[in-house]
Amino acid sequence: MKKVMVFITDGFADWEASYVTAELNKQGTGFQVQTMAIDKHPKTSMGGLSVLPDYSLKDFPFKLDFAMLIIPGGTGWREKKNHQVKKLVSFCFEHNIPVAAICDATTFLGNYGFLDQNKHTGNSLAYLKEGAPNYRGDENYIEKQSVSDGCLITANGSGALEFSKDILNKLNVLKSKELEEWYALFKNGFIPITGEHIEK
């Protein structure tokens, strides 16, 4: 089983990685989702869910083979202590392990130069530049829900589905028609909105 690591903080945005982790963790995908944080203490999400990390950044075995690092956004990125994960992000870039970040996690990446060489997105260019004073990737910024370029996937805070779609495509869990059908189901629902007004 290939591991997909999800880095969590206190205040992580639980919904931003939930679509994709549920798909990756299904039987038959060949993947297993595991969590990591700066330490082994339980982390509480924005929604109040308590998660006990599988790994601590302090004792993470960097020789461990894993297929991707997913970094949800959330309020935890305002705390400098969580920026310790830049060591793991650097390791991923050096070893061509895909990194997928969404919402404020993209701002974190931007502040440490991880966005400068790849096409990417975020909550907005203005938001990124304000929140990441060291960001220098303006010319590679794309105004989209999610952007996949090389070993980097980024998304804005409202792009959890598009983010998930790009991850599933990158890991070859779903492809072409099957992927489009998956995306359409969750984007539009079993009963797509037709524009008709609901009578009160």
Protein backbone atom coordinates (compact mmCIF):
# COMPACT_ATOMS: atom_id res chain seq x y z
CA MET A 1 0.00 0.00 0.00
CA LYS A 2 1.35 3.41 -0.94
CA LYS A 3 0.93 6.03 1.77
CA VAL A 4 -0.59 9.46 1.19
CA MET A 5 0.35 11.80 4.02
CA VAL A 6 -2.03 14.55 5.20
CA PHE A 7 -0.39 17.22 7.33
CA ILE A 8 -2.80 18.52 9.98
CA THR A 9 -2.72 21.36 12.47
CA ASP A 10 -5.03 22.54 15.22
CA GLY A 11 -7.71 24.39 13.27
CA PHE A 12 -7.20 22.47 10.01
CA ALA A 13 -10.00 22.83 7.47
CA ASP A 14 -11.42 19.30 7.67
CA TRP A 15 -13.64 19.57 4.57
CA GLU A 16 -10.84 20.61 2.21
CA ALA A 17 -9.28 17.14 1.97
CA SER A 18 -12.28 15.02 2.92
CA TYR A 19 -13.55 14.26 -0.61
CA VAL A 20 -10.19 13.01 -1.79
CA THR A 21 -9.11 11.13 1.33
CA ALA A 22 -12.36 9.15 1.28
CA GLU A 23 -11.68 8.14 -2.33
CA LEU A 24 -8.02 7.33 -1.76
CA ASN A 25 -8.76 5.18 1.27
CA LYS A 26 -11.22 2.94 -0.58
CA GLN A 27 -10.32 -0.71 -1.08
CA GLY A 28 -8.55 -1.41 -4.33
CA THR A 29 -6.92 1.98 -4.86
CA GLY A 30 -3.56 0.83 -3.58
CA PHE A 31 -3.34 3.85 -1.27
CA GLN A 32 -3.59 4.35 2.47
CA VAL A 33 -4.20 7.79 3.99
CA GLN A 34 -2.21 8.67 7.10
CA THR A 35 -1.86 11.88 9.08
CA MET A 36 1.10 13.85 10.34
CA ALA A 37 1.52 16.89 12.56
CA ILE A 38 4.36 18.71 14.30
CA ASP A 39 3.86 16.36 17.27
CA LYS A 40 1.74 13.36 18.28
CA HIS A 41 -0.82 15.36 20.29
CA PRO A 42 -4.43 15.22 19.00
CA LYS A 43 -5.32 18.00 16.58
CA THR A 44 -8.79 19.55 16.53
CA SER A 45 -10.19 20.64 13.18
CA MET A 46 -12.25 23.75 12.47
CA GLY A 47 -15.30 21.50 12.63
CA GLY A 48 -14.36 20.18 16.07
CA LEU A 49 -13.12 16.76 14.94
CA SER A 50 -10.24 15.41 17.01
CA VAL A 51 -7.55 13.52 15.08
CA LEU A 52 -4.61 11.64 16.58
CA PRO A 53 -1.72 11.97 14.09
CA ASP A 54 -0.08 8.79 12.84
CA TYR A 55 3.29 10.51 12.62
CA SER A 56 5.11 13.36 14.28
CA LEU A 57 7.28 15.62 12.16
CA LYS A 58 9.87 15.35 14.93
CA ASP A 59 10.37 11.62 14.45
CA PHE A 60 9.15 11.14 10.89
CA PRO A 61 11.32 8.61 9.06
CA PHE A 62 12.25 10.49 5.90
CA LYS A 63 13.22 7.19 4.32
CA LEU A 64 9.53 6.21 4.44
CA ASP A 65 8.13 5.77 0.95
CA PHE A 66 5.00 7.86 0.39
CA ALA A 67 3.17 8.92 -2.76
CA MET A 68 1.95 12.43 -1.96
CA LEU A 69 1.76 15.09 0.73
CA ILE A 70 -1.63 16.81 1.10
CA ILE A 71 -1.79 20.03 3.12
CA PRO A 72 -5.25 21.38 4.03
CA GLY A 73 -5.73 25.03 4.93
CA GLY A 74 -7.20 26.35 8.14
CA THR A 75 -6.41 28.67 11.01
CA GLY A 76 -3.27 26.74 11.99
CA TRP A 77 -1.20 28.42 9.29
CA ARG A 78 -1.24 31.64 11.31
CA GLU A 79 0.94 29.86 13.88
CA LYS A 80 4.63 29.85 13.04
CA LYS A 81 5.20 26.51 14.79
CA ASN A 82 3.36 24.71 12.00
CA HIS A 83 5.76 26.13 9.43
CA GLN A 84 8.22 23.45 10.54
CA VAL A 85 6.64 21.31 7.82
CA LYS A 86 8.68 23.24 5.25
CA LYS A 87 11.41 20.65 5.89
CA LEU A 88 9.09 17.90 4.67
CA VAL A 89 7.89 20.01 1.72
CA SER A 90 11.52 20.55 0.68
CA PHE A 91 12.11 16.81 0.91
CA CYS A 92 9.10 16.20 -1.36
CA PHE A 93 10.26 18.68 -4.00
CA GLU A 94 13.79 17.25 -3.93
CA HIS A 95 12.47 13.70 -4.46
CA ASN A 96 9.65 14.50 -6.94
CA ILE A 97 6.92 13.58 -4.48
CA PRO A 98 3.75 15.55 -5.35
CA VAL A 99 2.61 18.22 -2.89
CA ALA A 100 -1.06 19.28 -2.86
CA ALA A 101 -2.00 22.41 -0.88
CA ILE A 102 -5.26 24.31 -0.57
CA CYS A 103 -6.39 27.67 0.81
CA ASP A 104 -4.02 29.09 3.47
CA ALA A 105 -1.63 26.17 2.96
CA THR A 106 -0.86 27.71 -0.45
CA THR A 107 -0.03 30.99 1.29
CA PHE A 108 2.38 29.10 3.54
CA LEU A 109 4.03 27.53 0.47
CA GLY A 110 4.24 30.91 -1.21
CA ASN A 111 6.06 32.51 1.68
CA TYR A 112 8.84 29.92 1.47
CA GLY A 113 9.31 30.06 -2.31
CA PHE A 114 7.66 26.74 -3.14
CA LEU A 115 5.25 28.30 -5.65
CA ASP A 116 7.71 30.44 -7.59
CA GLN A 117 8.70 27.88 -10.25
CA ASN A 118 5.33 26.24 -10.96
CA LYS A 119 1.95 27.32 -12.24
CA HIS A 120 -0.28 27.71 -9.18
CA THR A 121 -3.30 29.37 -7.62
CA GLY A 122 -4.48 30.46 -4.17
CA ASN A 123 -7.29 32.40 -2.55
CA SER A 124 -6.37 35.33 -4.83
CA LEU A 125 -3.14 36.92 -5.98
CA ALA A 126 -3.69 39.89 -3.67
CA TYR A 127 -4.38 37.59 -0.72
CA LEU A 128 -1.29 35.54 -1.49
CA LYS A 129 0.97 38.58 -1.73
CA GLU A 130 -0.41 40.07 1.48
CA GLY A 131 -0.14 36.83 3.47
CA ALA A 132 3.21 35.74 2.02
CA PRO A 133 5.58 38.73 1.94
CA ASN A 134 8.38 36.59 0.46
CA TYR A 135 6.22 35.35 -2.44
CA ARG A 136 7.73 36.00 -5.90
CA GLY A 137 5.56 33.83 -8.13
CA ASP A 138 3.25 36.47 -9.65
CA GLU A 139 3.89 35.48 -13.26
CA ASN A 140 2.97 31.86 -12.55
CA TYR A 141 -0.29 32.65 -10.75
CA ILE A 142 -3.47 31.39 -12.46
CA GLU A 143 -6.99 32.46 -11.52
CA LYS A 144 -8.58 28.99 -11.23
CA GLN A 145 -10.20 26.80 -8.60
CA SER A 146 -7.30 24.33 -8.74
CA VAL A 147 -4.07 24.15 -10.71
CA SER A 148 -1.88 21.09 -11.28
CA ASP A 149 1.63 21.62 -12.60
CA GLY A 150 4.39 19.06 -12.31
CA CYS A 151 4.62 17.86 -8.72
CA LEU A 152 2.52 20.73 -7.35
CA ILE A 153 -1.26 21.00 -6.94
CA THR A 154 -2.79 24.15 -5.47
CA ALA A 155 -6.37 25.31 -4.93
CA ASN A 156 -8.33 28.15 -3.41
CA GLY A 157 -10.49 27.64 -0.34
CA SER A 158 -13.67 27.07 -2.35
CA GLY A 159 -12.05 24.54 -4.69
CA ALA A 160 -12.07 21.35 -2.60
CA LEU A 161 -13.73 19.32 -5.37
CA GLU A 162 -11.44 20.60 -8.11
CA PHE A 163 -8.48 20.03 -5.78
CA SER A 164 -9.65 16.46 -5.19
CA LYS A 165 -10.12 15.89 -8.90
CA ASP A 166 -6.55 17.00 -9.65
CA ILE A 167 -5.19 14.74 -6.89
CA LEU A 168 -7.15 11.68 -8.10
CA ASN A 169 -5.89 12.34 -11.61
CA LYS A 170 -2.27 12.80 -10.51
CA LEU A 171 -2.33 9.52 -8.54
CA ASN A 172 -4.16 7.68 -11.35
CA VAL A 173 -6.98 6.64 -9.02
CA LEU A 174 -9.62 7.84 -11.47
CA LYS A 175 -9.04 8.83 -15.10
CA SER A 176 -10.86 10.48 -18.01
CA LYS A 177 -14.58 9.59 -18.17
CA GLU A 178 -14.69 7.96 -14.72
CA LEU A 179 -13.03 11.02 -13.17
CA GLU A 180 -15.38 13.42 -14.95
CA GLU A 181 -18.41 11.42 -13.79
CA TRP A 182 -17.12 11.46 -10.19
CA TYR A 183 -16.59 15.20 -10.32
CA ALA A 184 -19.98 15.90 -11.91
CA LEU A 185 -21.77 13.80 -9.27
CA PHE A 186 -20.35 15.74 -6.34
CA LYS A 187 -20.43 19.11 -8.10
CA ASN A 188 -24.01 18.84 -9.37
CA GLY A 189 -25.59 16.20 -7.13
CA PHE A 190 -27.86 13.29 -7.99
CA ILE A 191 -30.50 15.85 -8.93
CA PRO A 192 -28.81 18.77 -10.72
CA ILE A 193 -30.25 22.23 -10.22
CA THR A 194 -32.34 23.13 -13.28
CA GLY A 195 -32.88 26.80 -12.55
CA GLU A 196 -36.52 26.28 -11.61
CA HIS A 197 -37.73 28.24 -8.59
CA ILE A 198 -38.90 26.30 -5.58
CA GLU A 199 -42.35 27.43 -4.51
CA LYS A 200 -42.67 28.41 -0.85
